[in-house]
């Protein structure tokens, strides 16, 4: 299985492709992250043009419940889960078409 790019590999590749310094690329990525986090906290959807759409999704709490242990078939109490917020990423059509 091939390994993916690390952050430093990604920064180096973008810096070489755009012919700018690694420091500038890192600054842009940090600014992008700050803007995306701020928008997602406000409940807005963030679109990275040509790449993906990010959206914060609220998951309600799940109460404690009884069920069967799938391995032993014995009754079991499954713990409650608190409410949480997750970030969903959906690729845009341009990225899907480019990969196909």
PDB file of N, CA and C in Angstrom:
ATOM      1  N   UNK A   1       0.841  -1.176   0.000  1.00  0.00           N
ATOM      2  CA  UNK A   1       0.000   0.000   0.000  1.00  0.00           C
ATOM      3  C   UNK A   1       0.889   1.243   0.000  1.00  0.00           C
ATOM      4  N   UNK A   2       0.612   2.152  -0.891  1.00  0.00           N
ATOM      5  CA  UNK A   2       1.414   3.366  -1.010  1.00  0.00           C
ATOM      6  C   UNK A   2       1.063   4.347   0.098  1.00  0.00           C
ATOM      7  N   UNK A   3       2.075   5.034   0.606  1.00  0.00           N
ATOM      8  CA  UNK A   3       1.845   6.036   1.639  1.00  0.00           C
ATOM      9  C   UNK A   3       1.434   7.351   0.982  1.00  0.00           C
ATOM     10  N   UNK A   4       0.620   8.107   1.701  1.00  0.00           N
ATOM     11  CA  UNK A   4       0.199   9.414   1.218  1.00  0.00           C
ATOM     12  C   UNK A   4       1.273  10.453   1.494  1.00  0.00           C
ATOM     13  N   UNK A   5       1.021  11.662   1.030  1.00  0.00           N
ATOM     14  CA  UNK A   5       1.953  12.762   1.254  1.00  0.00           C
ATOM     15  C   UNK A   5       1.855  13.247   2.699  1.00  0.00           C
ATOM     16  N   UNK A   6       2.997  13.595   3.264  1.00  0.00           N
ATOM     17  CA  UNK A   6       2.992  14.258   4.559  1.00  0.00           C
ATOM     18  C   UNK A   6       2.765  15.747   4.322  1.00  0.00           C
ATOM     19  N   UNK A   7       2.550  16.475   5.407  1.00  0.00           N
ATOM     20  CA  UNK A   7       2.328  17.918   5.268  1.00  0.00           C
ATOM     21  C   UNK A   7       3.553  18.585   4.653  1.00  0.00           C
ATOM     22  N   UNK A   8       4.752  18.195   5.103  1.00  0.00           N
ATOM     23  CA  UNK A   8       5.966  18.821   4.566  1.00  0.00           C
ATOM     24  C   UNK A   8       6.174  18.462   3.091  1.00  0.00           C
ATOM     25  N   UNK A   9       5.816  17.238   2.694  1.00  0.00           N
ATOM     26  CA  UNK A   9       5.888  16.859   1.279  1.00  0.00           C
ATOM     27  C   UNK A   9       4.921  17.705   0.446  1.00  0.00           C
ATOM     28  N   UNK A  10       3.720  17.891   0.989  1.00  0.00           N
ATOM     29  CA  UNK A  10       2.697  18.669   0.294  1.00  0.00           C
ATOM     30  C   UNK A  10       3.141  20.122   0.136  1.00  0.00           C
ATOM     31  N   UNK A  11       3.658  20.693   1.219  1.00  0.00           N
ATOM     32  CA  UNK A  11       4.122  22.087   1.184  1.00  0.00           C
ATOM     33  C   UNK A  11       5.249  22.234   0.168  1.00  0.00           C
ATOM     34  N   UNK A  12       6.185  21.291   0.152  1.00  0.00           N
ATOM     35  CA  UNK A  12       7.308  21.351  -0.785  1.00  0.00           C
ATOM     36  C   UNK A  12       6.816  21.250  -2.234  1.00  0.00           C
ATOM     37  N   UNK A  13       5.867  20.352  -2.496  1.00  0.00           N
ATOM     38  CA  UNK A  13       5.349  20.170  -3.851  1.00  0.00           C
ATOM     39  C   UNK A  13       4.618  21.432  -4.334  1.00  0.00           C
ATOM     40  N   UNK A  14       3.806  22.028  -3.460  1.00  0.00           N
ATOM     41  CA  UNK A  14       3.075  23.240  -3.840  1.00  0.00           C
ATOM     42  C   UNK A  14       4.051  24.397  -4.054  1.00  0.00           C
ATOM     43  N   UNK A  15       5.044  24.511  -3.182  1.00  0.00           N
ATOM     44  CA  UNK A  15       6.033  25.587  -3.307  1.00  0.00           C
ATOM     45  C   UNK A  15       6.790  25.471  -4.627  1.00  0.00           C
ATOM     46  N   UNK A  16       7.154  24.257  -4.998  1.00  0.00           N
ATOM     47  CA  UNK A  16       7.882  24.048  -6.260  1.00  0.00           C
ATOM     48  C   UNK A  16       6.988  24.360  -7.464  1.00  0.00           C
ATOM     49  N   UNK A  17       5.737  23.882  -7.409  1.00  0.00           N
ATOM     50  CA  UNK A  17       4.803  24.082  -8.528  1.00  0.00           C
ATOM     51  C   UNK A  17       4.467  25.566  -8.721  1.00  0.00           C
ATOM     52  N   UNK A  18       4.288  26.311  -7.611  1.00  0.00           N
ATOM     53  CA  UNK A  18       3.909  27.723  -7.693  1.00  0.00           C
ATOM     54  C   UNK A  18       5.116  28.654  -7.707  1.00  0.00           C
ATOM     55  N   UNK A  19       6.296  28.095  -7.540  1.00  0.00           N
ATOM     56  CA  UNK A  19       7.547  28.858  -7.525  1.00  0.00           C
ATOM     57  C   UNK A  19       7.528  29.945  -6.449  1.00  0.00           C
ATOM     58  N   UNK A  20       7.130  29.547  -5.231  1.00  0.00           N
ATOM     59  CA  UNK A  20       7.173  30.421  -4.057  1.00  0.00           C
ATOM     60  C   UNK A  20       7.881  29.669  -2.934  1.00  0.00           C
ATOM     61  N   UNK A  21       8.165  30.372  -1.855  1.00  0.00           N
ATOM     62  CA  UNK A  21       8.883  29.733  -0.753  1.00  0.00           C
ATOM     63  C   UNK A  21       7.949  28.839   0.067  1.00  0.00           C
ATOM     64  N   UNK A  22       8.557  27.893   0.779  1.00  0.00           N
ATOM     65  CA  UNK A  22       7.782  26.995   1.636  1.00  0.00           C
ATOM     66  C   UNK A  22       7.103  27.771   2.757  1.00  0.00           C
ATOM     67  N   UNK A  23       7.761  28.838   3.231  1.00  0.00           N
ATOM     68  CA  UNK A  23       7.181  29.666   4.293  1.00  0.00           C
ATOM     69  C   UNK A  23       5.880  30.305   3.834  1.00  0.00           C
ATOM     70  N   UNK A  24       5.855  30.784   2.598  1.00  0.00           N
ATOM     71  CA  UNK A  24       4.648  31.420   2.063  1.00  0.00           C
ATOM     72  C   UNK A  24       3.521  30.403   1.926  1.00  0.00           C
ATOM     73  N   UNK A  25       3.849  29.201   1.464  1.00  0.00           N
ATOM     74  CA  UNK A  25       2.836  28.154   1.307  1.00  0.00           C
ATOM     75  C   UNK A  25       2.276  27.774   2.674  1.00  0.00           C
ATOM     76  N   UNK A  26       3.149  27.632   3.658  1.00  0.00           N
ATOM     77  CA  UNK A  26       2.706  27.299   5.014  1.00  0.00           C
ATOM     78  C   UNK A  26       1.807  28.393   5.574  1.00  0.00           C
ATOM     79  N   UNK A  27       2.153  29.655   5.321  1.00  0.00           N
ATOM     80  CA  UNK A  27       1.337  30.772   5.796  1.00  0.00           C
ATOM     81  C   UNK A  27      -0.049  30.747   5.155  1.00  0.00           C
ATOM     82  N   UNK A  28      -0.110  30.441   3.876  1.00  0.00           N
ATOM     83  CA  UNK A  28      -1.398  30.365   3.173  1.00  0.00           C
ATOM     84  C   UNK A  28      -2.233  29.213   3.725  1.00  0.00           C
ATOM     85  N   UNK A  29      -1.628  28.058   3.943  1.00  0.00           N
ATOM     86  CA  UNK A  29      -2.366  26.913   4.486  1.00  0.00           C
ATOM     87  C   UNK A  29      -2.890  27.207   5.891  1.00  0.00           C
ATOM     88  N   UNK A  30      -2.073  27.884   6.714  1.00  0.00           N
ATOM     89  CA  UNK A  30      -2.518  28.247   8.063  1.00  0.00           C
ATOM     90  C   UNK A  30      -3.688  29.233   8.004  1.00  0.00           C
ATOM     91  N   UNK A  31      -3.613  30.210   7.106  1.00  0.00           N
ATOM     92  CA  UNK A  31      -4.698  31.178   6.946  1.00  0.00           C
ATOM     93  C   UNK A  31      -5.970  30.489   6.455  1.00  0.00           C
ATOM     94  N   UNK A  32      -5.819  29.553   5.526  1.00  0.00           N
ATOM     95  CA  UNK A  32      -6.955  28.792   5.000  1.00  0.00           C
ATOM     96  C   UNK A  32      -7.630  28.020   6.128  1.00  0.00           C
ATOM     97  N   UNK A  33      -6.826  27.408   6.991  1.00  0.00           N
ATOM     98  CA  UNK A  33      -7.356  26.649   8.120  1.00  0.00           C
ATOM     99  C   UNK A  33      -8.110  27.562   9.079  1.00  0.00           C
ATOM    100  N   UNK A  34      -7.541  28.735   9.380  1.00  0.00           N
ATOM    101  CA  UNK A  34      -8.190  29.672  10.294  1.00  0.00           C
ATOM    102  C   UNK A  34      -9.542  30.139   9.756  1.00  0.00           C
ATOM    103  N   UNK A  35      -9.594  30.470   8.485  1.00  0.00           N
ATOM    104  CA  UNK A  35     -10.848  30.924   7.863  1.00  0.00           C
ATOM    105  C   UNK A  35     -11.875  29.794   7.870  1.00  0.00           C
ATOM    106  N   UNK A  36     -11.462  28.585   7.508  1.00  0.00           N
ATOM    107  CA  UNK A  36     -12.387  27.443   7.455  1.00  0.00           C
ATOM    108  C   UNK A  36     -12.947  27.139   8.843  1.00  0.00           C
ATOM    109  N   UNK A  37     -12.105  27.130   9.856  1.00  0.00           N
ATOM    110  CA  UNK A  37     -12.568  26.850  11.223  1.00  0.00           C
ATOM    111  C   UNK A  37     -13.553  27.914  11.679  1.00  0.00           C
ATOM    112  N   UNK A  38     -13.246  29.171  11.406  1.00  0.00           N
ATOM    113  CA  UNK A  38     -14.150  30.253  11.789  1.00  0.00           C
ATOM    114  C   UNK A  38     -15.508  30.127  11.129  1.00  0.00           C
ATOM    115  N   UNK A  39     -15.538  29.823   9.859  1.00  0.00           N
ATOM    116  CA  UNK A  39     -16.806  29.678   9.139  1.00  0.00           C
ATOM    117  C   UNK A  39     -17.596  28.460   9.620  1.00  0.00           C
ATOM    118  N   UNK A  40     -16.899  27.339   9.851  1.00  0.00           N
ATOM    119  CA  UNK A  40     -17.587  26.138  10.309  1.00  0.00           C
ATOM    120  C   UNK A  40     -18.163  26.330  11.711  1.00  0.00           C
ATOM    121  N   UNK A  41     -17.458  27.068  12.576  1.00  0.00           N
ATOM    122  CA  UNK A  41     -17.979  27.349  13.922  1.00  0.00           C
ATOM    123  C   UNK A  41     -19.241  28.197  13.854  1.00  0.00           C
ATOM    124  N   UNK A  42     -19.347  29.054  12.842  1.00  0.00           N
ATOM    125  CA  UNK A  42     -20.533  29.887  12.671  1.00  0.00           C
ATOM    126  C   UNK A  42     -21.669  29.146  11.972  1.00  0.00           C
ATOM    127  N   UNK A  43     -21.450  27.878  11.617  1.00  0.00           N
ATOM    128  CA  UNK A  43     -22.493  27.078  10.990  1.00  0.00           C
ATOM    129  C   UNK A  43     -22.568  27.222   9.486  1.00  0.00           C
ATOM    130  N   UNK A  44     -21.563  27.841   8.883  1.00  0.00           N
ATOM    131  CA  UNK A  44     -21.570  28.023   7.430  1.00  0.00           C
ATOM    132  C   UNK A  44     -20.844  26.890   6.734  1.00  0.00           C
ATOM    133  N   UNK A  45     -21.201  26.666   5.482  1.00  0.00           N
ATOM    134  CA  UNK A  45     -20.508  25.688   4.646  1.00  0.00           C
ATOM    135  C   UNK A  45     -19.314  26.388   3.996  1.00  0.00           C
ATOM    136  N   UNK A  46     -18.189  25.681   3.889  1.00  0.00           N
ATOM    137  CA  UNK A  46     -16.981  26.243   3.282  1.00  0.00           C
ATOM    138  C   UNK A  46     -16.685  25.481   1.996  1.00  0.00           C
ATOM    139  N   UNK A  47     -16.476  26.216   0.907  1.00  0.00           N
ATOM    140  CA  UNK A  47     -16.135  25.605  -0.368  1.00  0.00           C
ATOM    141  C   UNK A  47     -14.691  25.931  -0.707  1.00  0.00           C
ATOM    142  N   UNK A  48     -13.901  24.895  -0.931  1.00  0.00           N
ATOM    143  CA  UNK A  48     -12.541  25.061  -1.436  1.00  0.00           C
ATOM    144  C   UNK A  48     -12.653  24.895  -2.942  1.00  0.00           C
ATOM    145  N   UNK A  49     -12.586  25.977  -3.708  1.00  0.00           N
ATOM    146  CA  UNK A  49     -12.870  25.924  -5.143  1.00  0.00           C
ATOM    147  C   UNK A  49     -12.086  24.833  -5.870  1.00  0.00           C
ATOM    148  N   UNK A  50     -12.824  24.012  -6.605  1.00  0.00           N
ATOM    149  CA  UNK A  50     -12.214  22.949  -7.386  1.00  0.00           C
ATOM    150  C   UNK A  50     -11.813  21.732  -6.581  1.00  0.00           C
ATOM    151  N   UNK A  51     -12.046  21.752  -5.256  1.00  0.00           N
ATOM    152  CA  UNK A  51     -11.607  20.629  -4.435  1.00  0.00           C
ATOM    153  C   UNK A  51     -12.736  19.985  -3.630  1.00  0.00           C
ATOM    154  N   UNK A  52     -13.259  20.714  -2.637  1.00  0.00           N
ATOM    155  CA  UNK A  52     -14.217  20.085  -1.732  1.00  0.00           C
ATOM    156  C   UNK A  52     -15.103  21.113  -1.051  1.00  0.00           C
ATOM    157  N   UNK A  53     -16.195  20.598  -0.468  1.00  0.00           N
ATOM    158  CA  UNK A  53     -17.076  21.396   0.370  1.00  0.00           C
ATOM    159  C   UNK A  53     -17.001  20.811   1.771  1.00  0.00           C
ATOM    160  N   UNK A  54     -16.846  21.696   2.760  1.00  0.00           N
ATOM    161  CA  UNK A  54     -16.792  21.281   4.153  1.00  0.00           C
ATOM    162  C   UNK A  54     -18.043  21.778   4.855  1.00  0.00           C
ATOM    163  N   UNK A  55     -18.596  20.936   5.738  1.00  0.00           N
ATOM    164  CA  UNK A  55     -19.816  21.292   6.433  1.00  0.00           C
ATOM    165  C   UNK A  55     -19.775  20.704   7.840  1.00  0.00           C
ATOM    166  N   UNK A  56     -20.130  21.505   8.848  1.00  0.00           N
ATOM    167  CA  UNK A  56     -20.211  21.015  10.224  1.00  0.00           C
ATOM    168  C   UNK A  56     -21.588  20.396  10.423  1.00  0.00           C
ATOM    169  N   UNK A  57     -21.621  19.163  10.940  1.00  0.00           N
ATOM    170  CA  UNK A  57     -22.874  18.440  11.134  1.00  0.00           C
ATOM    171  C   UNK A  57     -23.024  18.124  12.616  1.00  0.00           C
ATOM    172  N   UNK A  58     -24.166  18.513  13.200  1.00  0.00           N
ATOM    173  CA  UNK A  58     -24.437  18.240  14.610  1.00  0.00           C
ATOM    174  C   UNK A  58     -25.026  16.847  14.744  1.00  0.00           C
ATOM    175  N   UNK A  59     -24.450  16.035  15.639  1.00  0.00           N
ATOM    176  CA  UNK A  59     -24.970  14.699  15.916  1.00  0.00           C
ATOM    177  C   UNK A  59     -25.629  14.737  17.291  1.00  0.00           C
ATOM    178  N   UNK A  60     -26.905  14.368  17.387  1.00  0.00           N
ATOM    179  CA  UNK A  60     -27.603  14.419  18.672  1.00  0.00           C
ATOM    180  C   UNK A  60     -27.086  13.346  19.640  1.00  0.00           C
ATOM    181  N   UNK A  61     -27.381  13.494  20.936  1.00  0.00           N
ATOM    182  CA  UNK A  61     -26.936  12.475  21.893  1.00  0.00           C
ATOM    183  C   UNK A  61     -27.682  11.159  21.668  1.00  0.00           C
ATOM    184  N   UNK A  62     -27.013  10.053  21.963  1.00  0.00           N
ATOM    185  CA  UNK A  62     -27.616   8.724  21.833  1.00  0.00           C
ATOM    186  C   UNK A  62     -27.780   8.177  23.246  1.00  0.00           C
ATOM    187  N   UNK A  63     -29.012   7.821  23.655  1.00  0.00           N
ATOM    188  CA  UNK A  63     -29.211   7.327  25.022  1.00  0.00           C
ATOM    189  C   UNK A  63     -28.635   5.922  25.212  1.00  0.00           C
ATOM    190  N   UNK A  64     -28.437   5.574  26.483  1.00  0.00           N
ATOM    191  CA  UNK A  64     -27.992   4.221  26.817  1.00  0.00           C
ATOM    192  C   UNK A  64     -29.071   3.245  26.363  1.00  0.00           C
ATOM    193  N   UNK A  65     -28.657   2.083  25.888  1.00  0.00           N
ATOM    194  CA  UNK A  65     -29.657   1.121  25.397  1.00  0.00           C
ATOM    195  C   UNK A  65     -29.206  -0.303  25.655  1.00  0.00           C
ATOM    196  N   UNK A  66     -30.188  -1.189  25.653  1.00  0.00           N
ATOM    197  CA  UNK A  66     -29.891  -2.618  25.791  1.00  0.00           C
ATOM    198  C   UNK A  66     -29.807  -3.229  24.411  1.00  0.00           C
ATOM    199  N   UNK A  67     -28.987  -4.250  24.304  1.00  0.00           N
ATOM    200  CA  UNK A  67     -28.860  -4.957  23.042  1.00  0.00           C
ATOM    201  C   UNK A  67     -28.161  -6.275  23.266  1.00  0.00           C
ATOM    202  N   UNK A  68     -27.843  -6.961  22.195  1.00  0.00           N
ATOM    203  CA  UNK A  68     -27.141  -8.235  22.279  1.00  0.00           C
ATOM    204  C   UNK A  68     -25.702  -8.059  21.845  1.00  0.00           C
ATOM    205  N   UNK A  69     -24.784  -8.638  22.619  1.00  0.00           N
ATOM    206  CA  UNK A  69     -23.378  -8.661  22.237  1.00  0.00           C
ATOM    207  C   UNK A  69     -23.274  -9.518  20.981  1.00  0.00           C
ATOM    208  N   UNK A  70     -22.739  -8.990  19.877  1.00  0.00           N
ATOM    209  CA  UNK A  70     -22.713  -9.750  18.623  1.00  0.00           C
ATOM    210  C   UNK A  70     -21.849 -11.008  18.685  1.00  0.00           C
ATOM    211  N   UNK A  71     -20.910 -11.067  19.613  1.00  0.00           N
ATOM    212  CA  UNK A  71     -20.022 -12.227  19.686  1.00  0.00           C
ATOM    213  C   UNK A  71     -20.562 -13.308  20.610  1.00  0.00           C
ATOM    214  N   UNK A  72     -21.031 -12.912  21.794  1.00  0.00           N
ATOM    215  CA  UNK A  72     -21.480 -13.906  22.782  1.00  0.00           C
ATOM    216  C   UNK A  72     -22.986 -14.116  22.778  1.00  0.00           C
ATOM    217  N   UNK A  73     -23.730 -13.247  22.136  1.00  0.00           N
ATOM    218  CA  UNK A  73     -25.197 -13.282  22.066  1.00  0.00           C
ATOM    219  C   UNK A  73     -25.834 -13.088  23.438  1.00  0.00           C
ATOM    220  N   UNK A  74     -25.089 -12.534  24.388  1.00  0.00           N
ATOM    221  CA  UNK A  74     -25.595 -12.242  25.726  1.00  0.00           C
ATOM    222  C   UNK A  74     -26.146 -10.809  25.755  1.00  0.00           C
ATOM    223  N   UNK A  75     -27.157 -10.545  26.599  1.00  0.00           N
ATOM    224  CA  UNK A  75     -27.661  -9.170  26.721  1.00  0.00           C
ATOM    225  C   UNK A  75     -26.553  -8.247  27.236  1.00  0.00           C
ATOM    226  N   UNK A  76     -26.542  -7.029  26.738  1.00  0.00           N
ATOM    227  CA  UNK A  76     -25.490  -6.085  27.097  1.00  0.00           C
ATOM    228  C   UNK A  76     -26.072  -4.680  27.095  1.00  0.00           C
ATOM    229  N   UNK A  77     -25.543  -3.817  27.966  1.00  0.00           N
ATOM    230  CA  UNK A  77     -25.942  -2.406  28.004  1.00  0.00           C
ATOM    231  C   UNK A  77     -24.896  -1.623  27.220  1.00  0.00           C
ATOM    232  N   UNK A  78     -25.326  -0.924  26.178  1.00  0.00           N
ATOM    233  CA  UNK A  78     -24.428  -0.075  25.394  1.00  0.00           C
ATOM    234  C   UNK A  78     -24.451   1.322  25.990  1.00  0.00           C
ATOM    235  N   UNK A  79     -23.274   1.909  26.197  1.00  0.00           N
ATOM    236  CA  UNK A  79     -23.142   3.215  26.836  1.00  0.00           C
ATOM    237  C   UNK A  79     -23.796   4.320  25.999  1.00  0.00           C
ATOM    238  N   UNK A  80     -24.225   5.370  26.706  1.00  0.00           N
ATOM    239  CA  UNK A  80     -24.777   6.555  26.047  1.00  0.00           C
ATOM    240  C   UNK A  80     -23.638   7.338  25.399  1.00  0.00           C
ATOM    241  N   UNK A  81     -23.937   8.050  24.329  1.00  0.00           N
ATOM    242  CA  UNK A  81     -22.961   8.902  23.659  1.00  0.00           C
ATOM    243  C   UNK A  81     -23.452  10.343  23.724  1.00  0.00           C
ATOM    244  N   UNK A  82     -22.572  11.277  24.082  1.00  0.00           N
ATOM    245  CA  UNK A  82     -22.996  12.683  24.152  1.00  0.00           C
ATOM    246  C   UNK A  82     -23.154  13.281  22.750  1.00  0.00           C
ATOM    247  N   UNK A  83     -23.806  14.422  22.699  1.00  0.00           N
ATOM    248  CA  UNK A  83     -23.940  15.136  21.429  1.00  0.00           C
ATOM    249  C   UNK A  83     -22.554  15.560  20.951  1.00  0.00           C
ATOM    250  N   UNK A  84     -22.379  15.615  19.634  1.00  0.00           N
ATOM    251  CA  UNK A  84     -21.081  16.011  19.092  1.00  0.00           C
ATOM    252  C   UNK A  84     -21.270  16.718  17.754  1.00  0.00           C
ATOM    253  N   UNK A  85     -20.203  17.326  17.303  1.00  0.00           N
ATOM    254  CA  UNK A  85     -20.201  17.978  16.002  1.00  0.00           C
ATOM    255  C   UNK A  85     -19.083  17.372  15.171  1.00  0.00           C
ATOM    256  N   UNK A  86     -19.405  16.980  13.953  1.00  0.00           N
ATOM    257  CA  UNK A  86     -18.416  16.380  13.052  1.00  0.00           C
ATOM    258  C   UNK A  86     -18.310  17.246  11.804  1.00  0.00           C
ATOM    259  N   UNK A  87     -17.172  17.187  11.156  1.00  0.00           N
ATOM    260  CA  UNK A  87     -16.965  17.916   9.903  1.00  0.00           C
ATOM    261  C   UNK A  87     -17.047  16.908   8.762  1.00  0.00           C
ATOM    262  N   UNK A  88     -17.936  17.164   7.835  1.00  0.00           N
ATOM    263  CA  UNK A  88     -18.097  16.301   6.656  1.00  0.00           C
ATOM    264  C   UNK A  88     -17.450  16.984   5.457  1.00  0.00           C
ATOM    265  N   UNK A  89     -16.724  16.217   4.663  1.00  0.00           N
ATOM    266  CA  UNK A  89     -16.099  16.752   3.457  1.00  0.00           C
ATOM    267  C   UNK A  89     -16.680  16.035   2.249  1.00  0.00           C
ATOM    268  N   UNK A  90     -17.052  16.814   1.267  1.00  0.00           N
ATOM    269  CA  UNK A  90     -17.623  16.252   0.044  1.00  0.00           C
ATOM    270  C   UNK A  90     -16.842  16.803  -1.139  1.00  0.00           C
ATOM    271  N   UNK A  91     -16.242  15.927  -1.959  1.00  0.00           N
ATOM    272  CA  UNK A  91     -15.508  16.434  -3.121  1.00  0.00           C
ATOM    273  C   UNK A  91     -16.461  17.072  -4.129  1.00  0.00           C
ATOM    274  N   UNK A  92     -15.995  18.129  -4.799  1.00  0.00           N
ATOM    275  CA  UNK A  92     -16.812  18.777  -5.819  1.00  0.00           C
ATOM    276  C   UNK A  92     -16.629  18.045  -7.148  1.00  0.00           C
ATOM    277  N   UNK A  93     -17.496  18.314  -8.084  1.00  0.00           N
ATOM    278  CA  UNK A  93     -17.506  17.615  -9.368  1.00  0.00           C
ATOM    279  C   UNK A  93     -16.182  17.752 -10.109  1.00  0.00           C
ATOM    280  N   UNK A  94     -15.570  18.914 -10.052  1.00  0.00           N
ATOM    281  CA  UNK A  94     -14.301  19.133 -10.780  1.00  0.00           C
ATOM    282  C   UNK A  94     -13.226  18.158 -10.294  1.00  0.00           C
ATOM    283  N   UNK A  95     -13.158  17.927  -8.994  1.00  0.00           N
ATOM    284  CA  UNK A  95     -12.162  16.995  -8.455  1.00  0.00           C
ATOM    285  C   UNK A  95     -12.503  15.552  -8.841  1.00  0.00           C
ATOM    286  N   UNK A  96     -13.777  15.207  -8.767  1.00  0.00           N
ATOM    287  CA  UNK A  96     -14.189  13.853  -9.158  1.00  0.00           C
ATOM    288  C   UNK A  96     -13.842  13.576 -10.604  1.00  0.00           C
ATOM    289  N   UNK A  97     -14.139  14.559 -11.484  1.00  0.00           N
ATOM    290  CA  UNK A  97     -13.869  14.391 -12.907  1.00  0.00           C
ATOM    291  C   UNK A  97     -12.362  14.303 -13.173  1.00  0.00           C
ATOM    292  N   UNK A  98     -11.556  15.070 -12.442  1.00  0.00           N
ATOM    293  CA  UNK A  98     -10.115  15.063 -12.648  1.00  0.00           C
ATOM    294  C   UNK A  98      -9.491  13.731 -12.248  1.00  0.00           C
ATOM    295  N   UNK A  99     -10.040  13.088 -11.230  1.00  0.00           N
ATOM    296  CA  UNK A  99      -9.502  11.817 -10.756  1.00  0.00           C
ATOM    297  C   UNK A  99      -9.929  10.654 -11.644  1.00  0.00           C
ATOM    298  N   UNK A 100     -11.115  10.757 -12.225  1.00  0.00           N
ATOM    299  CA  UNK A 100     -11.633   9.651 -13.041  1.00  0.00           C
ATOM    300  C   UNK A 100     -10.824   9.449 -14.262  1.00  0.00           C
TER     301      UNK A 100
END
